[in-house]
C-alpha cells in the first residue's frame, strides 16, 4: 500500500504563510481578490474550499497557477477523507478474526500485509463495500444456515464475490430459455467427447444462450460445488475449478442450469457437499439427472445387471455421454460400491486450457 499522510494540511495554511512572508493582511487579499474578508478568514482556517474561481483569483494575486491552488485543496480533502477511512477501518479490526485473510492472499485475491488496518481496507476493496458489516448484506446467500458446521460464511462470500468480479468481463446477449434448453444435447455430447478445450466450448455454448459461466477456485472451509444467481439481466453459473470427478462436475453444472430453468430470477442458490433437504434443490437434482441420463435409458441399462467397466463404456458410447456420469449414477443409487470405479473416474479442471493451474 502506498504512503498515506498522517495529517491533512489545509491550503489555507499556505495562503497564511505567504501573506506573512509578504507582510500583507487578509484585508489586503480581500481587496485584491474581490472576496469578502469573512470568506478569506474561513478559507485560511480550513472552513471554506478553494473553488476553481477562487484558484484563478489566487493565481492573479499571489502567483502560482490556478491548478496549483486547486490541487492543494483537492489533495487536502482527499487526504482528510482517507484519514477518516483509516479511522473507520481501525474500528473494524476485531471483525478480521472471522475472515480467512491468509487464504485469500494465497488465492491472490487480496494483497499480503500484516497491518490490520490495511487488511480491512483491502477487504473493503475486494468485496466492494465500505464496511465489513456490509458483507452479510451484499452476499446474503453465503450466510444462510447449512448442514456443514465447518463452513466459513465469509470464505464462501469471498468465493461468490470473486465470481461476480469474473462475470464483469463477460459480454452476454439477452437470455433465452429456449436456446438454453436446446443446448442440452450439445453439452451432453461435450461430456462424451471431453476435448482439451471443453471449458472454453462450454462457456461459449452457454454464452450464446445468454448464460454466464465462471469457474473460481474455492477457499478452504467452503465445500462448494456451484452457485446460481442472476447478475444484472443474465443468469450466472459459478463452479469450483479444482479437479473433482467428472461426474460431480457435470452434475453440478446441470443442477445449476436446473435452477435457472425452474426457479425465479431473484433466487440465489449454492450447492455444497452437504445439503439440507429442500424442494427447489430436489427439483434441480431431478432436472440434472433427467437431462444428463434419462431415466428410461438408465433403467434399461440397469435391467441387464452388468455393471462392469466394459458395459459402462459401451452404454456411454451408445448414449454419447461420459462414462463417468453413468458410474456416478450407479454409485449414487447404491447399485455399486464407491470403490468399484475409484480408479476409473476422470478428473476435470474448470479452467481454460491456457490458464490451468489445478
Protein backbone atom coordinates (compact mmCIF):
# COMPACT_ATOMS: atom_id res chain seq x y z
CA UNK A 1 0.00 0.00 0.00
CA UNK A 2 1.35 3.46 -0.93
CA UNK A 3 2.34 6.03 1.68
CA UNK A 4 -0.53 7.99 3.17
CA UNK A 5 -0.01 11.29 5.04
CA UNK A 6 -0.97 11.04 8.68
CA UNK A 7 -2.26 14.62 8.77
CA UNK A 8 -4.30 16.68 6.32
CA UNK A 9 -2.96 20.23 5.95
CA UNK A 10 -5.43 22.74 4.56
CA UNK A 11 -4.15 25.02 1.77
CA UNK A 12 -5.27 27.98 3.89
CA UNK A 13 -2.05 27.44 5.82
CA UNK A 14 -0.04 28.09 2.65
CA UNK A 15 -2.02 31.27 1.99
CA UNK A 16 -1.48 32.48 5.56
CA UNK A 17 2.26 31.73 5.37
CA UNK A 18 2.61 33.52 2.04
CA UNK A 19 0.77 36.58 3.34
CA UNK A 20 3.11 36.63 6.31
CA UNK A 21 6.18 36.44 4.09
CA UNK A 22 4.80 39.31 2.00
CA UNK A 23 3.83 41.34 5.08
CA UNK A 24 0.27 41.59 3.83
CA UNK A 25 -3.04 41.21 5.67
CA UNK A 26 -6.18 39.25 5.00
CA UNK A 27 -7.88 42.57 4.25
CA UNK A 28 -5.33 43.24 1.53
CA UNK A 29 -6.02 39.83 0.00
CA UNK A 30 -9.75 40.52 0.20
CA UNK A 31 -9.37 43.77 -1.69
CA UNK A 32 -7.16 42.18 -4.36
CA UNK A 33 -9.26 39.05 -4.94
CA UNK A 34 -12.71 40.61 -4.56
CA UNK A 35 -13.60 38.02 -1.91
CA UNK A 36 -15.04 39.12 1.43
CA UNK A 37 -12.78 39.22 4.48
CA UNK A 38 -15.07 36.69 6.10
CA UNK A 39 -14.58 34.28 3.21
CA UNK A 40 -10.81 34.81 3.26
CA UNK A 41 -10.79 34.05 7.02
CA UNK A 42 -12.82 30.86 6.53
CA UNK A 43 -10.55 29.76 3.70
CA UNK A 44 -7.41 30.28 5.80
CA UNK A 45 -9.00 28.43 8.75
CA UNK A 46 -9.93 25.47 6.55
CA UNK A 47 -13.65 26.13 6.70
CA UNK A 48 -14.09 27.07 3.03
CA UNK A 49 -12.90 25.21 -0.06
CA UNK A 50 -10.77 26.69 -2.82
CA UNK A 51 -13.06 26.54 -5.82
CA UNK A 52 -11.96 26.85 -9.44
CA UNK A 53 -12.94 30.55 -9.36
CA UNK A 54 -11.03 31.16 -6.12
CA UNK A 55 -7.98 29.33 -7.53
CA UNK A 56 -7.92 31.68 -10.54
CA UNK A 57 -8.19 34.73 -8.26
CA UNK A 58 -5.31 33.48 -6.08
CA UNK A 59 -3.20 32.89 -9.19
CA UNK A 60 -3.66 36.51 -10.21
CA UNK A 61 -2.86 37.92 -6.75
CA UNK A 62 -0.40 35.53 -5.08
CA UNK A 63 1.17 33.90 -8.10
CA UNK A 64 1.46 30.20 -8.81
CA UNK A 65 -1.02 28.55 -11.16
CA UNK A 66 -4.72 28.10 -10.61
CA UNK A 67 -4.07 24.36 -10.94
CA UNK A 68 -1.57 24.55 -8.07
CA UNK A 69 -4.10 26.15 -5.72
CA UNK A 70 -6.90 23.82 -6.81
CA UNK A 71 -4.65 20.76 -6.33
CA UNK A 72 -3.70 21.91 -2.83
CA UNK A 73 -7.37 21.92 -1.89
CA UNK A 74 -8.15 18.63 -3.68
CA UNK A 75 -5.20 16.85 -2.06
CA UNK A 76 -6.23 18.17 1.35
CA UNK A 77 -9.78 16.86 1.05
CA UNK A 78 -8.65 13.51 -0.36
CA UNK A 79 -6.11 13.08 2.45
CA UNK A 80 -8.71 14.07 5.02
CA UNK A 81 -11.16 11.51 3.63
CA UNK A 82 -8.52 8.74 3.65
CA UNK A 83 -7.54 9.51 7.23
CA UNK A 84 -11.20 9.25 8.20
CA UNK A 85 -11.43 6.00 6.25
CA UNK A 86 -8.47 4.56 8.16
CA UNK A 87 -10.13 5.58 11.42
CA UNK A 88 -13.27 3.68 10.44
CA UNK A 89 -11.19 0.71 9.31
CA UNK A 90 -9.33 0.61 12.64
CA UNK A 91 -12.70 0.30 14.38
CA UNK A 92 -13.36 -2.94 12.46
CA UNK A 93 -10.12 -4.76 13.24
CA UNK A 94 -11.90 -7.11 15.65
CA UNK A 95 -14.04 -8.39 12.76
CA UNK A 96 -10.95 -9.73 10.96
CA UNK A 97 -10.99 -12.83 13.14
CA UNK A 98 -13.97 -14.21 11.20
CA UNK A 99 -12.39 -13.70 7.77
CA UNK A 100 -9.72 -16.09 6.38
CA UNK A 101 -7.45 -13.33 5.10
CA UNK A 102 -4.40 -15.58 4.62
CA UNK A 103 -6.40 -17.94 2.39
CA UNK A 104 -7.48 -15.01 0.24
CA UNK A 105 -3.85 -13.90 -0.02
CA UNK A 106 -2.84 -17.39 -1.15
CA UNK A 107 -5.51 -17.20 -3.86
CA UNK A 108 -4.05 -13.81 -4.88
CA UNK A 109 -7.36 -12.08 -4.28
CA UNK A 110 -6.03 -9.54 -1.75
CA UNK A 111 -2.58 -8.13 -1.04
CA UNK A 112 -0.37 -9.64 1.63
CA UNK A 113 0.10 -7.38 4.67
CA UNK A 114 0.47 -7.76 8.42
CA UNK A 115 -1.03 -4.33 9.04
CA UNK A 116 -4.55 -4.95 10.28
CA UNK A 117 -5.92 -1.60 9.15
CA UNK A 118 -4.60 -2.31 5.66
CA UNK A 119 -6.24 -5.73 5.78
CA UNK A 120 -9.60 -4.15 6.50
CA UNK A 121 -9.11 -1.64 3.68
CA UNK A 122 -8.07 -4.39 1.26
CA UNK A 123 -11.17 -6.39 2.15
CA UNK A 124 -13.37 -3.36 1.59
CA UNK A 125 -11.96 -3.01 -1.92
CA UNK A 126 -12.24 -6.72 -2.68
CA UNK A 127 -15.85 -7.02 -1.52
CA UNK A 128 -16.79 -3.63 -2.96
CA UNK A 129 -18.06 -2.30 0.38
CA UNK A 130 -17.19 0.42 2.87
CA UNK A 131 -17.63 -1.68 5.99
CA UNK A 132 -17.09 -5.35 6.80
CA UNK A 133 -20.57 -5.30 8.32
CA UNK A 134 -21.96 -4.86 4.80
CA UNK A 135 -20.61 -8.22 3.57
CA UNK A 136 -23.50 -10.29 5.04
CA UNK A 137 -25.91 -7.80 3.44
CA UNK A 138 -24.37 -7.94 -0.04
CA UNK A 139 -23.74 -11.71 0.00
CA UNK A 140 -26.81 -12.88 1.92
CA UNK A 141 -26.93 -16.35 0.38
CA UNK A 142 -23.48 -17.14 1.81
CA UNK A 143 -24.75 -16.66 5.35
CA UNK A 144 -27.74 -18.97 5.17
CA UNK A 145 -27.68 -21.92 7.59
CA UNK A 146 -26.14 -25.06 6.10
CA UNK A 147 -25.64 -28.61 7.33
CA UNK A 148 -21.84 -28.26 7.29
CA UNK A 149 -20.88 -26.50 10.52
CA UNK A 150 -17.28 -26.16 9.34
CA UNK A 151 -18.31 -23.87 6.53
CA UNK A 152 -16.89 -20.35 6.79
CA UNK A 153 -19.54 -17.92 5.57
CA UNK A 154 -17.01 -15.17 4.85
CA UNK A 155 -14.86 -17.55 2.78
CA UNK A 156 -17.96 -18.50 0.82
CA UNK A 157 -18.89 -14.83 0.41
CA UNK A 158 -15.38 -14.21 -0.97
CA UNK A 159 -15.84 -17.05 -3.47
CA UNK A 160 -19.13 -15.57 -4.64
CA UNK A 161 -17.65 -12.09 -4.85
CA UNK A 162 -14.77 -13.36 -6.99
CA UNK A 163 -17.35 -14.89 -9.31
CA UNK A 164 -19.04 -11.50 -9.67
CA UNK A 165 -15.71 -9.91 -10.50
CA UNK A 166 -15.04 -12.54 -13.17
CA UNK A 167 -18.54 -12.03 -14.58
CA UNK A 168 -17.89 -8.32 -15.11
CA UNK A 169 -15.82 -9.18 -18.16
CA UNK A 170 -18.50 -11.28 -19.86
CA UNK A 171 -20.31 -9.99 -22.92
CA UNK A 172 -23.70 -11.70 -22.88
CA UNK A 173 -26.68 -11.39 -25.24
CA UNK A 174 -30.24 -11.41 -23.92
CA UNK A 175 -31.04 -14.60 -22.02
CA UNK A 176 -33.05 -17.19 -23.96
CA UNK A 177 -34.52 -20.17 -22.10
CA UNK A 178 -35.38 -21.87 -25.38
CA UNK A 179 -31.80 -21.57 -26.56
CA UNK A 180 -30.51 -22.86 -23.22
CA UNK A 181 -32.78 -25.92 -23.31
CA UNK A 182 -31.88 -26.65 -26.92
CA UNK A 183 -28.19 -26.65 -25.97
CA UNK A 184 -28.63 -29.54 -23.51
CA UNK A 185 -27.93 -32.21 -26.12
CA UNK A 186 -24.80 -30.36 -27.30
CA UNK A 187 -23.48 -30.13 -23.76
CA UNK A 188 -24.26 -33.80 -23.17
CA UNK A 189 -22.21 -34.68 -26.22
CA UNK A 190 -19.41 -32.48 -24.89
CA UNK A 191 -19.25 -34.67 -21.77
CA UNK A 192 -18.56 -37.66 -24.01
CA UNK A 193 -16.08 -36.04 -26.40
CA UNK A 194 -14.19 -34.41 -23.48
CA UNK A 195 -11.92 -32.25 -25.68
CA UNK A 196 -8.95 -30.42 -24.16
CA UNK A 197 -10.76 -27.10 -24.60
CA UNK A 198 -14.08 -28.38 -23.24
CA UNK A 199 -14.40 -25.49 -20.78
CA UNK A 200 -13.99 -22.84 -23.47
CA UNK A 201 -16.55 -24.63 -25.64
CA UNK A 202 -18.95 -24.99 -22.74
CA UNK A 203 -18.60 -21.33 -21.87
CA UNK A 204 -19.35 -20.35 -25.48
CA UNK A 205 -22.41 -22.61 -25.69
CA UNK A 206 -23.91 -21.08 -22.56
CA UNK A 207 -22.90 -17.58 -23.63
CA UNK A 208 -24.92 -17.94 -26.82
CA UNK A 209 -27.97 -18.62 -24.62
CA UNK A 210 -27.24 -15.53 -22.53
CA UNK A 211 -25.94 -17.52 -19.56
CA UNK A 212 -22.66 -16.55 -17.90
CA UNK A 213 -20.26 -19.23 -16.72
CA UNK A 214 -17.33 -18.57 -14.41
CA UNK A 215 -15.03 -21.02 -12.67
CA UNK A 216 -13.44 -19.97 -9.39
CA UNK A 217 -11.16 -21.90 -7.07
CA UNK A 218 -12.83 -22.11 -3.68
CA UNK A 219 -11.12 -21.11 -0.43
CA UNK A 220 -10.78 -23.54 2.46
CA UNK A 221 -13.86 -24.41 4.51
CA UNK A 222 -16.39 -23.81 1.76
CA UNK A 223 -17.11 -27.31 0.34
CA UNK A 224 -18.93 -25.61 -2.50
CA UNK A 225 -19.62 -27.17 -5.89
CA UNK A 226 -21.52 -24.41 -7.62
CA UNK A 227 -23.86 -21.45 -7.38
CA UNK A 228 -26.58 -19.84 -9.46
CA UNK A 229 -27.83 -16.28 -9.36
CA UNK A 230 -28.93 -13.54 -11.71
CA UNK A 231 -26.25 -10.93 -12.27
CA UNK A 232 -27.83 -7.95 -13.97
CA UNK A 233 -30.16 -9.23 -16.69
CA UNK A 234 -28.46 -12.59 -17.15
CA UNK A 235 -28.22 -15.81 -15.13
CA UNK A 236 -24.75 -16.62 -13.84
CA UNK A 237 -23.47 -20.12 -13.13
CA UNK A 238 -20.38 -20.32 -10.94
CA UNK A 239 -18.48 -23.58 -10.48
CA UNK A 240 -15.50 -24.69 -8.44
CA UNK A 241 -12.40 -25.31 -10.56
CA UNK A 242 -10.36 -27.80 -8.58
CA UNK A 243 -10.08 -31.23 -10.16
CA UNK A 244 -13.06 -33.18 -8.95
CA UNK A 245 -14.59 -36.27 -10.50
CA UNK A 246 -16.06 -35.54 -13.91
CA UNK A 247 -19.48 -36.87 -12.92
CA UNK A 248 -19.72 -34.46 -9.99
CA UNK A 249 -18.66 -31.51 -12.13
CA UNK A 250 -21.16 -32.25 -14.89
CA UNK A 251 -23.94 -32.92 -12.40
CA UNK A 252 -23.16 -29.63 -10.64
CA UNK A 253 -23.40 -27.78 -13.94
CA UNK A 254 -26.75 -29.32 -14.89
CA UNK A 255 -28.01 -28.81 -11.33
CA UNK A 256 -27.33 -25.08 -11.64
CA UNK A 257 -28.94 -24.99 -15.07
CA UNK A 258 -31.97 -26.62 -13.44
CA UNK A 259 -32.21 -23.69 -11.03
CA UNK A 260 -32.13 -21.23 -13.94
CA UNK A 261 -34.90 -23.02 -15.81
CA UNK A 262 -37.17 -23.82 -12.88
CA UNK A 263 -36.72 -21.02 -10.37
CA UNK A 264 -37.16 -17.26 -10.17
CA UNK A 265 -34.74 -14.52 -11.12
CA UNK A 266 -34.50 -13.24 -7.56
CA UNK A 267 -33.48 -16.59 -6.15
CA UNK A 268 -29.86 -17.43 -5.33
CA UNK A 269 -28.64 -20.99 -4.84
CA UNK A 270 -25.42 -22.62 -3.66
CA UNK A 271 -24.60 -26.34 -3.90
CA UNK A 272 -22.46 -27.94 -1.18
CA UNK A 273 -21.10 -31.36 -0.30
CA UNK A 274 -23.74 -31.49 2.43
CA UNK A 275 -27.16 -30.02 1.65
CA UNK A 276 -30.32 -29.65 3.68
CA UNK A 277 -33.45 -31.15 2.13
CA UNK A 278 -35.17 -28.52 0.02
CA UNK A 279 -37.90 -28.78 -2.59
CA UNK A 280 -36.10 -26.49 -5.03
CA UNK A 281 -32.83 -28.39 -4.64
CA UNK A 282 -34.71 -31.63 -5.28
CA UNK A 283 -36.19 -30.13 -8.44
CA UNK A 284 -32.75 -29.06 -9.65
CA UNK A 285 -31.39 -32.54 -8.90
CA UNK A 286 -34.23 -34.16 -10.84
CA UNK A 287 -33.65 -31.84 -13.78
CA UNK A 288 -29.91 -32.65 -13.81
CA UNK A 289 -30.49 -36.40 -13.57
CA UNK A 290 -33.01 -36.48 -16.41
CA UNK A 291 -31.08 -34.07 -18.66
CA UNK A 292 -27.82 -35.95 -18.30
CA UNK A 293 -29.11 -39.52 -18.29
CA UNK A 294 -32.84 -40.00 -18.92
CA UNK A 295 -34.43 -42.50 -16.53
CA UNK A 296 -35.75 -44.73 -19.33
CA UNK A 297 -32.26 -45.16 -20.79
CA UNK A 298 -30.67 -45.74 -17.41
CA UNK A 299 -33.33 -48.22 -16.28
CA UNK A 300 -32.84 -50.24 -19.45
CA UNK A 301 -29.11 -50.42 -18.75
CA UNK A 302 -29.66 -51.38 -15.10
CA UNK A 303 -32.09 -54.14 -16.05
CA UNK A 304 -29.23 -56.05 -17.69
CA UNK A 305 -27.39 -56.21 -14.32
CA UNK A 306 -23.97 -55.83 -15.96
CA UNK A 307 -22.11 -53.02 -14.24
CA UNK A 308 -18.64 -53.83 -15.48
CA UNK A 309 -16.46 -51.01 -16.83
CA UNK A 310 -16.77 -52.61 -20.28
CA UNK A 311 -20.57 -52.46 -20.12
CA UNK A 312 -20.44 -48.88 -18.82
CA UNK A 313 -18.20 -47.78 -21.70
CA UNK A 314 -20.44 -49.45 -24.30
CA UNK A 315 -23.52 -47.77 -22.82
CA UNK A 316 -21.68 -44.42 -22.74
CA UNK A 317 -20.83 -44.79 -26.43
CA UNK A 318 -24.44 -45.53 -27.39
CA UNK A 319 -25.82 -42.69 -25.26
CA UNK A 320 -22.99 -40.30 -26.25
CA UNK A 321 -22.38 -39.36 -22.66
CA UNK A 322 -19.37 -39.50 -20.38
CA UNK A 323 -18.95 -42.92 -18.72
CA UNK A 324 -18.23 -41.00 -15.50
CA UNK A 325 -21.84 -39.86 -15.39
CA UNK A 326 -23.02 -43.46 -15.63
CA UNK A 327 -20.58 -44.59 -12.94
CA UNK A 328 -21.66 -41.73 -10.72
CA UNK A 329 -25.35 -42.63 -11.11
CA UNK A 330 -24.66 -46.26 -10.26
CA UNK A 331 -22.75 -45.21 -7.16
CA UNK A 332 -25.37 -42.69 -6.10
CA UNK A 333 -28.19 -45.19 -6.45
CA UNK A 334 -26.27 -47.77 -4.40
CA UNK A 335 -26.04 -50.24 -7.26
CA UNK A 336 -22.25 -50.47 -6.95
CA UNK A 337 -19.86 -49.56 -4.11
CA UNK A 338 -17.92 -46.31 -4.48
CA UNK A 339 -14.71 -48.34 -4.51
CA UNK A 340 -15.64 -50.22 -7.70
CA UNK A 341 -14.87 -47.37 -10.10
CA UNK A 342 -12.45 -45.43 -7.90
CA UNK A 343 -9.61 -45.87 -10.41
CA UNK A 344 -11.78 -45.17 -13.43
CA UNK A 345 -13.14 -41.73 -12.59
CA UNK A 346 -11.63 -38.92 -14.64
CA UNK A 347 -10.83 -35.53 -13.11
CA UNK A 348 -11.86 -32.27 -14.69
CA UNK A 349 -10.42 -28.81 -14.17
CA UNK A 350 -12.86 -25.99 -14.84
CA UNK A 351 -10.44 -23.56 -16.46
CA UNK A 352 -9.40 -22.59 -19.96
CA UNK A 353 -6.64 -24.84 -21.26
CA UNK A 354 -4.16 -21.94 -21.43
CA UNK A 355 -4.59 -20.93 -17.78
CA UNK A 356 -4.97 -24.20 -15.90
CA UNK A 357 -3.27 -24.49 -12.53
CA UNK A 358 -5.35 -27.28 -10.99
